[in-house]
Amino acid sequence: MTTFDDILEETGSFGRSQKRIFALFCLVSMPWAGVYVGIVFQGYTPDHWCKDSAVAERRQDCGWSLAHTRRLTVPLVNSSGALQQSSCEQYDVDWNNTALTCDTLELDLSKTPTTGCKNGWEYDYAGRQSFVTEFDLVCSDSWLVDMYQATLNVGFLVGSIAIGYLADRFGRKMSFLMSSLLNGIAGILVAVAPDYTSLLVFRTLYGFGVKGGWVAGYVLITEIVGVEYRRTVGVIYQMFFSVGILFLPLLAYFLTDWRWLQVVITLPYIFFLSYYWFIPESPRWLLSQNKNAQAVAITEAMAKENKRTLSKNIETLTDDNADSNTASFMDLIRTPKMRKHTLILSYNWFTSAIVYQGLIMRLGILGGNVYIDFLISGLVEFPAAFLILFTIERIGRRLPFASANIVAGASCFITAFIPDSMFWFKTVVACIGRLGITMAFEMVVFVNTELYPTFVRNLGVSVCSTLCDIGGIVAPFLLYRLAVIWLELPLIIFGSLAFVAGGLVLLLPETKGMPLPDTIDDIEYPDKFKEKADLKNQQLSNLLPQNISISTNTDPETV
């Protein structure tokens, strides 16, 4: 009986048709960067201080400098061992009932009582308008900035599960288009949100569609290329997220209003609706739904675009990945090795999200040139994909995966204790950490698929990756709240998490050169599984010289 993998060899494993579709889907990864880490620019918190209406009025009448009025309004506080002007307190003085004149140059206010800001804040905008300055999310309300990012990850968490279900129920293409429509609507609503509460609601809806649509595209492209290309297209698909990282600071530099930046980030999702005419449904999914006629038609169209001719037995296409087993969550934790894999992989998803997102958002609170810092840190992500492709087939999965986490952890620790005077050295070490965690984040995706048997593989990846979204919820609170205590304290936490992740990875089995497991017994009894795999390889090597065609069952989700 003919399988889809058999026909795919005739169609072309990665011909012109698949390359065109792959190129279109790579564009989907780019705007996700703006959604995921756009808070660095949209939620930028500039220097701020309490506004005193009476002093502000005198400043206009008398032509005082901003520095002079701040001396009259803002007390000095001890911050990290140095005296700095407070951002959240002001002198408790009614300047309308004082003898303050335009000739007043200096006043001794050292013994004057202080109070919290009564009339709002003034900002050193530095050319940027953010939702922080628009809604006054500073001082006691600064935690609401964390909520802006946390609600996005709540949307990711719910949306990836919901759209994942819809993709299995109604198809990859339809789910992708539905998510793009939701993204376009929700993204524009975020840009026009009249108040902070509605901003959070629309931001959650935005997250609901963005990740689910990205995953639907990921699955579709890996299902229409040959097995030998799946891992490569999966890594490159993720790498285009890094391309979006490079474009984001350029857009933010020219679009200084957070609302217009939001509009530009959203526009690609409206463009993606045109994919209705340019991408097909997954033939594999159609086969799993017994829609053979549609699967055959799409496969023939792909072969025609690839300038290939199909044999007549295409009419006997079957779903070569159907499995009669019904997966449940208990399958992930019932047996010892499955339980170990689930716990270690979940922790690595969680750590990757916290450290990756935390290192990016940290750029917004360092006080340097955020555009240049963001661009430099984005450039270091590209070697991660090439290191993965270079090492995984030569060295294996476990050692590069563990090393990436350990390098990220060590870099975080070292960066925390490098003095600010050694700026370039500190930047280089921080970039190495960014490279390490990017590599770890990209590796956890396909390592996850290789450590679960076929019938529970999709469920296993879905369950483990939910910890990524939980990590994304925790990350902004961890970063912004701990940075108030000590700017480098979040790096200590990030480093500790990454070190533990690297050590746990070493407890996982090596999967290089191993076939995908089909049953839980293949996981629980690896020696027997290896013997079975060696025997199968020996049989294949004996048969191939006799020109006997062998069809292997390889899961389409493996990348």
Protein backbone atom coordinates (compact mmCIF):
# COMPACT_ATOMS: atom_id res chain seq x y z
CA MET A 1 0.00 0.00 0.00
CA THR A 2 1.34 3.44 -0.94
CA THR A 3 2.18 5.86 1.86
CA PHE A 4 2.48 9.62 1.64
CA ASP A 5 6.23 9.42 2.25
CA ASP A 6 6.49 7.16 -0.80
CA ILE A 7 4.62 9.68 -2.95
CA LEU A 8 6.57 12.58 -1.48
CA GLU A 9 9.76 11.07 -2.90
CA GLU A 10 8.19 11.23 -6.36
CA THR A 11 6.67 14.67 -5.75
CA GLY A 12 10.01 16.09 -4.63
CA SER A 13 11.08 16.17 -0.99
CA PHE A 14 11.87 19.87 -1.09
CA GLY A 15 11.08 21.11 -4.56
CA ARG A 16 9.99 24.47 -5.89
CA SER A 17 6.50 24.12 -4.39
CA GLN A 18 7.73 23.39 -0.86
CA LYS A 19 10.36 26.13 -1.09
CA ARG A 20 7.73 28.69 -2.06
CA ILE A 21 5.41 27.66 0.77
CA PHE A 22 8.32 27.55 3.22
CA ALA A 23 9.42 31.08 2.24
CA LEU A 24 5.89 32.38 2.80
CA PHE A 25 5.71 30.80 6.25
CA CYS A 26 9.14 32.10 7.26
CA LEU A 27 7.60 35.58 7.01
CA VAL A 28 5.18 34.53 9.76
CA SER A 29 8.01 34.23 12.29
CA MET A 30 9.18 37.83 11.79
CA PRO A 31 6.28 39.89 13.23
CA TRP A 32 6.04 37.50 16.17
CA ALA A 33 9.30 39.03 17.42
CA GLY A 34 7.59 42.41 17.67
CA VAL A 35 4.66 40.92 19.54
CA TYR A 36 6.82 38.89 21.92
CA VAL A 37 9.45 41.46 22.93
CA GLY A 38 8.01 44.74 21.63
CA ILE A 39 7.49 45.73 25.27
CA VAL A 40 11.12 46.89 25.30
CA PHE A 41 10.03 49.85 23.18
CA GLN A 42 6.26 50.04 23.72
CA GLY A 43 6.65 49.84 27.49
CA TYR A 44 9.77 52.02 27.70
CA THR A 45 10.01 53.76 31.11
CA PRO A 46 11.99 57.02 30.85
CA ASP A 47 13.38 59.08 33.71
CA HIS A 48 10.45 60.57 35.61
CA TRP A 49 9.78 62.74 38.63
CA CYS A 50 6.83 64.18 40.52
CA LYS A 51 4.99 67.03 38.87
CA ASP A 52 4.22 70.12 40.96
CA SER A 53 1.76 72.38 39.16
CA ALA A 54 2.79 75.52 41.07
CA VAL A 55 6.50 75.05 40.34
CA ALA A 56 5.76 74.17 36.70
CA GLU A 57 3.82 77.42 36.35
CA ARG A 58 6.67 79.43 37.88
CA ARG A 59 9.11 77.71 35.53
CA GLN A 60 7.19 79.01 32.53
CA ASP A 61 6.82 82.52 33.96
CA CYS A 62 10.42 82.82 35.15
CA GLY A 63 12.20 80.84 32.44
CA TRP A 64 13.77 78.44 34.93
CA SER A 65 15.67 75.41 33.72
CA LEU A 66 14.26 71.95 34.21
CA ALA A 67 17.15 71.08 36.54
CA HIS A 68 16.34 74.08 38.76
CA THR A 69 12.66 73.17 39.12
CA ARG A 70 13.56 69.54 39.91
CA ARG A 71 15.77 70.76 42.77
CA LEU A 72 12.75 72.58 44.20
CA THR A 73 10.41 69.63 43.74
CA VAL A 74 12.33 66.37 44.05
CA PRO A 75 14.25 65.21 47.14
CA LEU A 76 17.49 63.25 47.00
CA VAL A 77 17.35 59.58 47.99
CA ASN A 78 19.99 56.92 48.49
CA SER A 79 19.97 54.50 45.56
CA SER A 80 22.63 51.78 45.31
CA GLY A 81 24.95 53.75 47.57
CA ALA A 82 24.61 57.05 45.66
CA LEU A 83 22.36 60.06 46.10
CA GLN A 84 19.87 60.45 43.26
CA GLN A 85 16.75 62.48 42.70
CA SER A 86 13.66 60.51 43.64
CA SER A 87 11.26 59.32 40.97
CA CYS A 88 8.32 58.75 43.30
CA GLU A 89 8.51 61.41 46.02
CA GLN A 90 8.29 65.20 46.22
CA TYR A 91 8.71 67.87 48.87
CA ASP A 92 5.52 68.35 50.84
CA VAL A 93 5.35 72.12 50.24
CA ASP A 94 2.49 74.28 49.01
CA TRP A 95 4.49 76.60 46.79
CA ASN A 96 1.47 78.85 46.21
CA ASN A 97 1.69 79.92 49.85
CA THR A 98 5.41 80.63 49.95
CA ALA A 99 7.62 83.56 49.09
CA LEU A 100 8.97 81.78 46.01
CA THR A 101 10.01 84.36 43.39
CA CYS A 102 11.78 84.30 40.06
CA ASP A 103 14.97 85.42 41.80
CA THR A 104 15.01 82.37 44.08
CA LEU A 105 18.03 80.33 43.16
CA GLU A 106 18.75 78.02 46.08
CA LEU A 107 16.70 76.84 49.05
CA ASP A 108 17.70 74.56 51.89
CA LEU A 109 15.04 71.85 51.71
CA SER A 110 17.02 69.12 53.47
CA LYS A 111 14.68 69.08 56.48
CA THR A 112 11.48 69.49 54.50
CA PRO A 113 9.04 66.54 54.78
CA THR A 114 8.33 64.54 51.66
CA THR A 115 5.25 62.85 50.24
CA GLY A 116 4.23 60.75 47.27
CA CYS A 117 3.48 62.34 43.93
CA LYS A 118 0.18 64.24 44.13
CA ASN A 119 -0.22 65.70 40.65
CA GLY A 120 1.20 63.02 38.39
CA TRP A 121 4.63 62.90 36.81
CA GLU A 122 6.84 64.64 34.33
CA TYR A 123 8.90 62.54 31.91
CA ASP A 124 12.16 62.85 30.08
CA TYR A 125 10.59 61.44 26.93
CA ALA A 126 13.83 61.15 24.96
CA GLY A 127 11.74 61.10 21.82
CA ARG A 128 9.59 58.07 22.78
CA GLN A 129 5.93 57.87 23.71
CA SER A 130 5.11 54.61 25.48
CA PHE A 131 1.99 53.27 27.16
CA VAL A 132 3.90 53.73 30.43
CA THR A 133 4.01 57.50 29.99
CA GLU A 134 0.49 57.66 28.58
CA PHE A 135 -1.14 55.78 31.47
CA ASP A 136 1.38 56.82 34.21
CA LEU A 137 2.45 53.25 35.00
CA VAL A 138 5.30 54.19 37.33
CA CYS A 139 6.13 54.01 41.04
CA SER A 140 3.35 52.13 42.86
CA ASP A 141 1.72 51.26 39.52
CA SER A 142 4.91 50.05 37.82
CA TRP A 143 3.87 46.40 38.34
CA LEU A 144 1.13 47.01 35.77
CA VAL A 145 3.85 47.09 33.10
CA ASP A 146 4.58 43.47 34.03
CA MET A 147 0.91 42.67 33.50
CA TYR A 148 1.11 43.91 29.92
CA GLN A 149 3.60 41.13 29.11
CA ALA A 150 2.01 38.56 31.40
CA THR A 151 -1.40 38.82 29.71
CA LEU A 152 0.25 38.19 26.34
CA ASN A 153 1.67 34.92 27.66
CA VAL A 154 -1.71 33.98 29.13
CA GLY A 155 -3.05 34.37 25.60
CA PHE A 156 -0.18 32.24 24.28
CA LEU A 157 -0.98 29.52 26.82
CA VAL A 158 -4.69 29.28 26.04
CA GLY A 159 -4.37 30.00 22.33
CA SER A 160 -1.71 27.42 21.55
CA ILE A 161 -3.87 24.69 23.09
CA ALA A 162 -7.12 25.90 21.52
CA ILE A 163 -5.73 26.53 18.05
CA GLY A 164 -3.75 23.30 18.26
CA TYR A 165 -7.03 21.49 18.75
CA LEU A 166 -8.66 23.42 15.91
CA ALA A 167 -5.72 22.59 13.65
CA ASP A 168 -6.33 18.88 14.24
CA ARG A 169 -10.08 19.31 13.88
CA PHE A 170 -10.43 21.74 10.95
CA GLY A 171 -7.00 21.70 9.33
CA ARG A 172 -3.70 23.56 9.49
CA LYS A 173 -4.52 26.08 6.78
CA MET A 174 -7.91 27.09 8.17
CA SER A 175 -6.53 27.45 11.71
CA PHE A 176 -3.66 29.59 10.45
CA LEU A 177 -6.03 31.88 8.55
CA MET A 178 -8.42 32.16 11.50
CA SER A 179 -5.56 33.09 13.82
CA SER A 180 -4.27 35.68 11.32
CA LEU A 181 -7.72 37.29 11.18
CA LEU A 182 -7.88 37.37 15.00
CA ASN A 183 -4.35 38.80 15.16
CA GLY A 184 -5.20 41.57 12.72
CA ILE A 185 -8.32 42.60 14.64
CA ALA A 186 -6.82 42.27 18.14
CA GLY A 187 -3.59 44.03 17.13
CA ILE A 188 -5.44 47.08 15.86
CA LEU A 189 -7.61 47.10 18.99
CA VAL A 190 -4.42 47.18 21.10
CA ALA A 191 -3.26 50.20 19.10
CA VAL A 192 -6.50 52.14 19.75
CA ALA A 193 -7.15 50.98 23.33
CA PRO A 194 -8.59 53.99 25.24
CA ASP A 195 -7.51 52.86 28.71
CA TYR A 196 -5.21 50.40 30.42
CA THR A 197 -7.88 47.81 31.26
CA SER A 198 -9.01 47.48 27.66
CA LEU A 199 -5.34 47.38 26.63
CA LEU A 200 -4.85 44.22 28.73
CA VAL A 201 -7.99 42.57 27.36
CA PHE A 202 -6.99 43.22 23.75
CA ARG A 203 -3.40 42.16 24.45
CA THR A 204 -4.64 38.80 25.77
CA LEU A 205 -6.71 38.26 22.61
CA TYR A 206 -3.64 39.17 20.57
CA GLY A 207 -1.57 36.49 22.31
CA PHE A 208 -4.37 33.97 21.84
CA GLY A 209 -3.96 34.01 18.07
CA VAL A 210 -0.26 34.76 17.52
CA LYS A 211 1.40 31.66 18.95
CA GLY A 212 -1.29 29.24 17.79
CA GLY A 213 -1.02 30.53 14.22
CA TRP A 214 2.77 30.25 14.31
CA VAL A 215 2.57 26.64 15.49
CA ALA A 216 -0.01 25.79 12.81
CA GLY A 217 2.38 27.10 10.15
CA TYR A 218 5.25 25.17 11.74
CA VAL A 219 3.31 21.92 11.58
CA LEU A 220 2.09 22.47 8.02
CA ILE A 221 5.52 23.11 6.54
CA THR A 222 7.09 20.11 8.29
CA GLU A 223 4.30 17.88 6.99
CA ILE A 224 4.90 18.64 3.31
CA VAL A 225 8.71 18.26 3.12
CA GLY A 226 10.75 15.07 3.06
CA VAL A 227 11.97 13.56 6.30
CA GLU A 228 15.57 14.58 5.58
CA TYR A 229 14.56 18.27 5.44
CA ARG A 230 12.21 18.52 8.41
CA ARG A 231 14.76 19.36 11.06
CA THR A 232 16.46 21.95 8.85
CA VAL A 233 13.25 23.76 7.87
CA GLY A 234 12.16 23.69 11.52
CA VAL A 235 15.35 25.39 12.72
CA ILE A 236 15.34 27.96 9.90
CA TYR A 237 11.65 28.68 10.51
CA GLN A 238 12.54 29.60 14.09
CA MET A 239 15.59 31.56 12.93
CA PHE A 240 13.36 34.04 11.11
CA PHE A 241 12.16 35.12 14.55
CA SER A 242 15.70 36.46 14.95
CA VAL A 243 15.33 38.33 11.65
CA GLY A 244 12.29 40.03 13.17
CA ILE A 245 14.40 40.89 16.22
CA LEU A 246 16.75 42.84 13.92
CA PHE A 247 13.93 44.79 12.25
CA LEU A 248 12.23 45.73 15.53
CA PRO A 249 14.75 48.36 16.77
CA LEU A 250 14.83 49.93 13.30
CA LEU A 251 11.04 50.25 13.28
CA ALA A 252 11.02 51.56 16.85
CA TYR A 253 13.66 54.17 16.04
CA PHE A 254 11.49 55.75 13.36
CA LEU A 255 8.10 55.07 14.98
CA THR A 256 8.46 56.72 18.37
CA ASP A 257 4.77 56.47 19.31
CA TRP A 258 3.91 53.04 20.75
CA ARG A 259 0.51 53.02 19.05
CA TRP A 260 1.93 53.44 15.55
CA LEU A 261 4.57 50.81 16.28
CA GLN A 262 1.75 48.47 17.26
CA VAL A 263 -0.05 49.14 13.97
CA VAL A 264 3.05 48.34 11.90
CA ILE A 265 3.68 45.12 13.86
CA THR A 266 0.07 44.07 13.19
CA LEU A 267 -0.10 44.82 9.44
CA PRO A 268 1.71 41.60 8.38
CA TYR A 269 -1.05 39.51 9.96
CA ILE A 270 -3.59 41.22 7.73
CA PHE A 271 -1.32 40.45 4.75
CA PHE A 272 -1.18 36.78 5.80
CA LEU A 273 -4.89 36.46 5.03
CA SER A 274 -3.87 36.48 1.36
CA TYR A 275 -2.21 33.10 1.97
CA TYR A 276 -5.64 31.60 1.36
CA TRP A 277 -4.72 31.64 -2.34
CA PHE A 278 -1.04 30.68 -2.01
CA ILE A 279 -0.72 27.81 0.47
CA PRO A 280 -2.39 24.38 0.41
CA GLU A 281 -3.87 22.34 3.19
CA SER A 282 -1.60 19.63 4.56
CA PRO A 283 -2.14 16.43 2.51
CA ARG A 284 -1.18 14.42 5.59
CA TRP A 285 -3.97 16.00 7.61
CA LEU A 286 -6.44 15.45 4.78
CA LEU A 287 -5.48 11.78 4.68
CA SER A 288 -6.00 11.49 8.44
CA GLN A 289 -9.52 12.86 7.88
CA ASN A 290 -10.20 10.38 5.04
CA LYS A 291 -10.31 13.22 2.51
CA ASN A 292 -8.20 11.29 0.02
CA ALA A 293 -9.46 13.04 -3.12
CA GLN A 294 -8.38 16.48 -1.82
CA ALA A 295 -5.03 15.08 -0.66
CA VAL A 296 -4.40 13.59 -4.09
CA ALA A 297 -5.32 16.83 -5.85
CA ILE A 298 -2.95 18.90 -3.68
CA THR A 299 -0.14 16.37 -4.06
CA GLU A 300 -0.54 16.36 -7.84
CA ALA A 301 -0.45 20.17 -7.89
CA MET A 302 2.76 20.15 -5.85
CA ALA A 303 4.33 17.61 -8.21
CA LYS A 304 3.34 19.71 -11.22
CA GLU A 305 4.94 22.83 -9.70
CA ASN A 306 8.05 20.76 -8.96
CA LYS A 307 8.07 19.54 -12.59
CA ARG A 308 7.79 15.92 -11.46
CA THR A 309 5.59 13.08 -12.68
CA LEU A 310 3.71 10.84 -10.25
CA SER A 311 3.06 7.14 -10.67
CA LYS A 312 -0.50 5.88 -11.02
CA ASN A 313 -0.58 4.34 -7.54
CA ILE A 314 -1.18 7.78 -6.02
CA GLU A 315 -4.85 6.82 -5.84
CA THR A 316 -3.99 4.29 -3.11
CA LEU A 317 -2.58 6.94 -0.75
CA THR A 318 -3.05 6.16 2.94
CA ASP A 319 -2.33 7.90 6.21
CA ASP A 320 1.07 6.51 7.11
CA ASN A 321 1.03 8.19 10.52
CA ALA A 322 -2.33 7.12 11.84
CA ASP A 323 -2.15 5.41 15.19
CA SER A 324 -4.87 3.53 16.98
CA ASN A 325 -3.60 4.44 20.44
CA THR A 326 -5.43 7.14 22.35
CA ALA A 327 -3.07 9.47 24.20
CA SER A 328 -3.76 10.81 27.68
CA PHE A 329 -1.86 13.00 30.11
CA MET A 330 -1.27 10.01 32.39
CA ASP A 331 0.85 8.41 29.65
CA LEU A 332 3.39 11.21 30.22
CA ILE A 333 3.91 10.48 33.91
CA ARG A 334 2.77 6.90 34.56
CA THR A 335 6.13 5.17 34.00
CA PRO A 336 9.54 6.19 35.44
CA LYS A 337 11.42 7.23 32.29
CA MET A 338 8.41 8.96 30.74
CA ARG A 339 7.93 10.85 33.99
CA LYS A 340 11.60 11.85 34.04
CA HIS A 341 11.46 13.09 30.43
CA THR A 342 8.29 15.08 31.09
CA LEU A 343 9.68 16.80 34.19
CA ILE A 344 13.08 17.64 32.65
CA LEU A 345 11.66 18.88 29.35
CA SER A 346 8.97 20.95 31.10
CA TYR A 347 11.62 22.58 33.29
CA ASN A 348 13.73 23.36 30.22
CA TRP A 349 10.79 24.97 28.43
CA PHE A 350 10.13 27.04 31.56
CA THR A 351 13.76 28.09 31.97
CA SER A 352 14.28 28.91 28.28
CA ALA A 353 11.28 31.26 28.29
CA ILE A 354 12.28 33.06 31.49
CA VAL A 355 15.94 33.53 30.61
CA TYR A 356 15.41 34.39 26.94
CA GLN A 357 12.59 36.85 27.55
CA GLY A 358 14.27 38.25 30.65
CA LEU A 359 17.57 38.97 28.87
CA ILE A 360 15.76 40.81 26.08
CA MET A 361 13.53 42.89 28.35
CA ARG A 362 16.55 43.73 30.52
CA LEU A 363 17.85 45.87 27.66
CA GLY A 364 15.04 48.32 28.33
CA ILE A 365 16.16 49.06 31.91
CA LEU A 366 19.94 49.32 31.47
CA GLY A 367 19.91 53.00 30.56
CA GLY A 368 22.11 52.73 27.46
CA ASN A 369 21.17 53.18 23.82
CA VAL A 370 18.33 50.66 23.70
CA TYR A 371 18.27 50.60 19.87
CA ILE A 372 21.95 49.71 19.47
CA ASP A 373 21.93 47.28 22.40
CA PHE A 374 18.87 45.51 21.04
CA LEU A 375 20.36 45.28 17.53
CA ILE A 376 23.67 43.86 18.78
CA SER A 377 21.97 41.27 20.98
CA GLY A 378 19.73 40.27 18.07
CA LEU A 379 22.69 39.65 15.78
CA VAL A 380 24.14 37.03 18.11
CA GLU A 381 21.04 34.86 17.71
CA PHE A 382 21.95 33.86 14.14
CA PRO A 383 24.97 31.71 15.01
CA ALA A 384 22.68 29.67 17.29
CA ALA A 385 20.83 28.07 14.38
CA PHE A 386 24.06 27.29 12.52
CA LEU A 387 25.66 25.80 15.64
CA ILE A 388 22.65 23.54 16.08
CA LEU A 389 22.72 22.32 12.48
CA PHE A 390 26.50 21.81 12.67
CA THR A 391 26.60 19.89 15.96
CA ILE A 392 23.48 17.76 16.31
CA GLU A 393 24.42 15.21 13.64
CA ARG A 394 28.13 15.23 14.51
CA ILE A 395 28.08 15.37 18.31
CA GLY A 396 24.49 14.54 19.16
CA ARG A 397 21.67 16.32 20.95
CA ARG A 398 22.39 16.00 24.64
CA LEU A 399 25.83 17.59 24.90
CA PRO A 400 25.11 20.71 22.76
CA PHE A 401 21.75 21.14 24.53
CA ALA A 402 23.30 20.92 28.00
CA SER A 403 26.30 23.07 26.99
CA ALA A 404 24.02 25.81 25.64
CA ASN A 405 22.21 26.06 28.99
CA ILE A 406 25.43 25.99 31.01
CA VAL A 407 27.05 28.67 28.83
CA ALA A 408 23.95 30.85 29.22
CA GLY A 409 24.02 30.37 32.99
CA ALA A 410 27.73 31.10 33.32
CA SER A 411 27.40 34.22 31.17
CA CYS A 412 24.57 35.54 33.35
CA PHE A 413 26.64 35.05 36.52
CA ILE A 414 29.77 36.66 35.03
CA THR A 415 27.84 39.60 33.54
CA ALA A 416 26.29 40.38 36.94
CA PHE A 417 29.71 40.97 38.52
CA ILE A 418 31.48 42.80 35.69
CA PRO A 419 31.67 46.51 36.58
CA ASP A 420 29.84 48.97 34.33
CA SER A 421 33.16 50.64 33.54
CA MET A 422 34.10 47.55 31.48
CA PHE A 423 31.17 48.19 29.16
CA TRP A 424 32.29 46.32 26.05
CA PHE A 425 33.49 43.27 27.95
CA LYS A 426 30.18 43.16 29.81
CA THR A 427 28.31 43.44 26.50
CA VAL A 428 30.29 40.61 24.89
CA VAL A 429 29.68 38.25 27.82
CA ALA A 430 25.98 39.13 27.88
CA CYS A 431 25.74 38.42 24.14
CA ILE A 432 27.33 34.99 24.67
CA GLY A 433 24.60 34.29 27.22
CA ARG A 434 21.96 35.38 24.72
CA LEU A 435 23.50 33.04 22.12
CA GLY A 436 23.45 30.12 24.57
CA ILE A 437 19.84 30.51 25.65
CA THR A 438 18.69 31.02 22.05
CA MET A 439 20.36 27.75 21.10
CA ALA A 440 18.78 25.99 24.09
CA PHE A 441 15.35 27.41 23.26
CA GLU A 442 15.53 26.19 19.67
CA MET A 443 16.85 22.74 20.67
CA VAL A 444 14.16 21.97 23.23
CA VAL A 445 11.58 21.98 20.42
CA PHE A 446 12.90 19.03 18.45
CA VAL A 447 14.50 17.17 21.38
CA ASN A 448 11.00 17.13 22.88
CA THR A 449 9.65 15.37 19.77
CA GLU A 450 12.38 12.71 19.85
CA LEU A 451 11.80 11.62 23.45
CA TYR A 452 8.13 10.64 23.21
CA PRO A 453 6.52 7.70 21.40
CA THR A 454 4.50 8.45 18.29
CA PHE A 455 0.98 8.16 19.71
CA VAL A 456 1.67 10.62 22.55
CA ARG A 457 4.23 12.87 20.83
CA ASN A 458 1.95 15.80 19.98
CA LEU A 459 0.36 15.76 23.42
CA GLY A 460 3.78 15.58 25.07
CA VAL A 461 5.08 18.61 23.20
CA SER A 462 1.87 20.55 23.93
CA VAL A 463 1.96 19.79 27.66
CA CYS A 464 5.67 20.51 28.09
CA SER A 465 5.54 23.72 26.05
CA THR A 466 2.79 25.15 28.25
CA LEU A 467 5.58 25.68 30.80
CA CYS A 468 7.13 28.05 28.25
CA ASP A 469 4.07 30.29 28.51
CA ILE A 470 4.04 30.06 32.29
CA GLY A 471 7.69 31.10 32.22
CA GLY A 472 6.73 34.03 30.03
CA ILE A 473 4.13 35.08 32.60
CA VAL A 474 6.69 34.94 35.42
CA ALA A 475 9.58 36.59 33.52
CA PRO A 476 8.52 40.28 33.63
CA PHE A 477 7.66 40.16 37.34
CA LEU A 478 10.95 38.42 38.07
CA LEU A 479 12.95 40.93 36.04
CA TYR A 480 11.36 44.25 36.92
CA ARG A 481 10.66 43.61 40.61
CA LEU A 482 14.09 42.13 41.41
CA ALA A 483 15.88 44.84 39.41
CA VAL A 484 14.45 47.41 41.84
CA ILE A 485 16.41 45.69 44.64
CA TRP A 486 19.60 45.28 42.59
CA LEU A 487 19.87 45.72 38.84
CA GLU A 488 21.93 42.56 38.43
CA LEU A 489 19.88 40.34 40.76
CA PRO A 490 17.71 38.94 37.91
CA LEU A 491 20.90 37.71 36.21
CA ILE A 492 21.77 35.65 39.28
CA ILE A 493 18.34 34.01 39.13
CA PHE A 494 18.60 33.46 35.37
CA GLY A 495 22.04 31.91 35.75
CA SER A 496 20.88 29.54 38.49
CA LEU A 497 17.89 28.37 36.43
CA ALA A 498 20.03 27.77 33.34
CA PHE A 499 22.70 25.82 35.26
CA VAL A 500 20.09 23.48 36.70
CA ALA A 501 18.54 23.06 33.23
CA GLY A 502 21.91 22.09 31.74
CA GLY A 503 22.55 19.55 34.47
CA LEU A 504 19.12 17.97 34.02
CA VAL A 505 19.60 17.64 30.26
CA LEU A 506 22.59 15.36 30.92
CA LEU A 507 20.13 12.93 32.53
CA LEU A 508 18.26 12.53 29.24
CA PRO A 509 19.20 9.78 26.75
CA GLU A 510 21.05 10.58 23.54
CA THR A 511 18.76 10.31 20.49
CA LYS A 512 21.31 10.82 17.73
CA GLY A 513 21.02 8.01 15.19
CA MET A 514 18.03 6.48 16.97
CA PRO A 515 14.69 5.93 15.24
CA LEU A 516 11.64 7.57 16.73
CA PRO A 517 10.07 5.45 19.50
CA ASP A 518 6.63 4.04 18.75
CA THR A 519 5.59 2.75 22.18
CA ILE A 520 6.17 3.53 25.83
CA ASP A 521 8.14 0.27 26.10
CA ASP A 522 10.63 1.72 23.60
CA ILE A 523 11.25 4.51 26.13
CA GLU A 524 11.24 2.38 29.27
CA TYR A 525 13.49 -0.37 27.85
CA PRO A 526 16.05 1.49 25.70
CA ASP A 527 18.42 -1.49 25.38
CA LYS A 528 15.72 -3.65 23.80
CA PHE A 529 14.67 -0.72 21.62
CA LYS A 530 18.26 -0.25 20.43
CA GLU A 531 18.56 -3.96 19.63
CA LYS A 532 15.32 -3.78 17.65
CA ALA A 533 16.56 -0.70 15.79
CA ASP A 534 19.93 -2.32 15.02
CA LEU A 535 18.17 -5.43 13.71
CA LYS A 536 15.91 -3.33 11.51
CA ASN A 537 18.89 -1.39 10.13
CA GLN A 538 20.68 -4.65 9.40
CA GLN A 539 17.65 -5.98 7.53
CA LEU A 540 17.44 -2.76 5.53
CA SER A 541 21.12 -2.93 4.59
CA ASN A 542 20.63 -6.52 3.38
CA LEU A 543 17.60 -5.62 1.34
CA LEU A 544 18.73 -2.38 -0.29
CA PRO A 545 21.32 -3.96 -2.63
CA GLN A 546 18.50 -6.07 -4.05
CA ASN A 547 16.66 -2.88 -5.04
CA ILE A 548 13.73 -3.62 -2.78
CA SER A 549 11.82 -0.43 -1.88
CA ILE A 550 11.38 0.00 1.84
CA SER A 551 8.91 2.51 3.31
CA THR A 552 9.67 3.63 6.86
CA ASN A 553 7.18 5.19 9.20
CA THR A 554 8.53 8.58 10.23
CA ASP A 555 6.35 10.96 12.19
CA PRO A 556 5.66 14.27 10.39
CA GLU A 557 5.99 16.31 13.55
CA THR A 558 9.70 15.45 13.87
CA VAL A 559 11.83 18.45 13.05
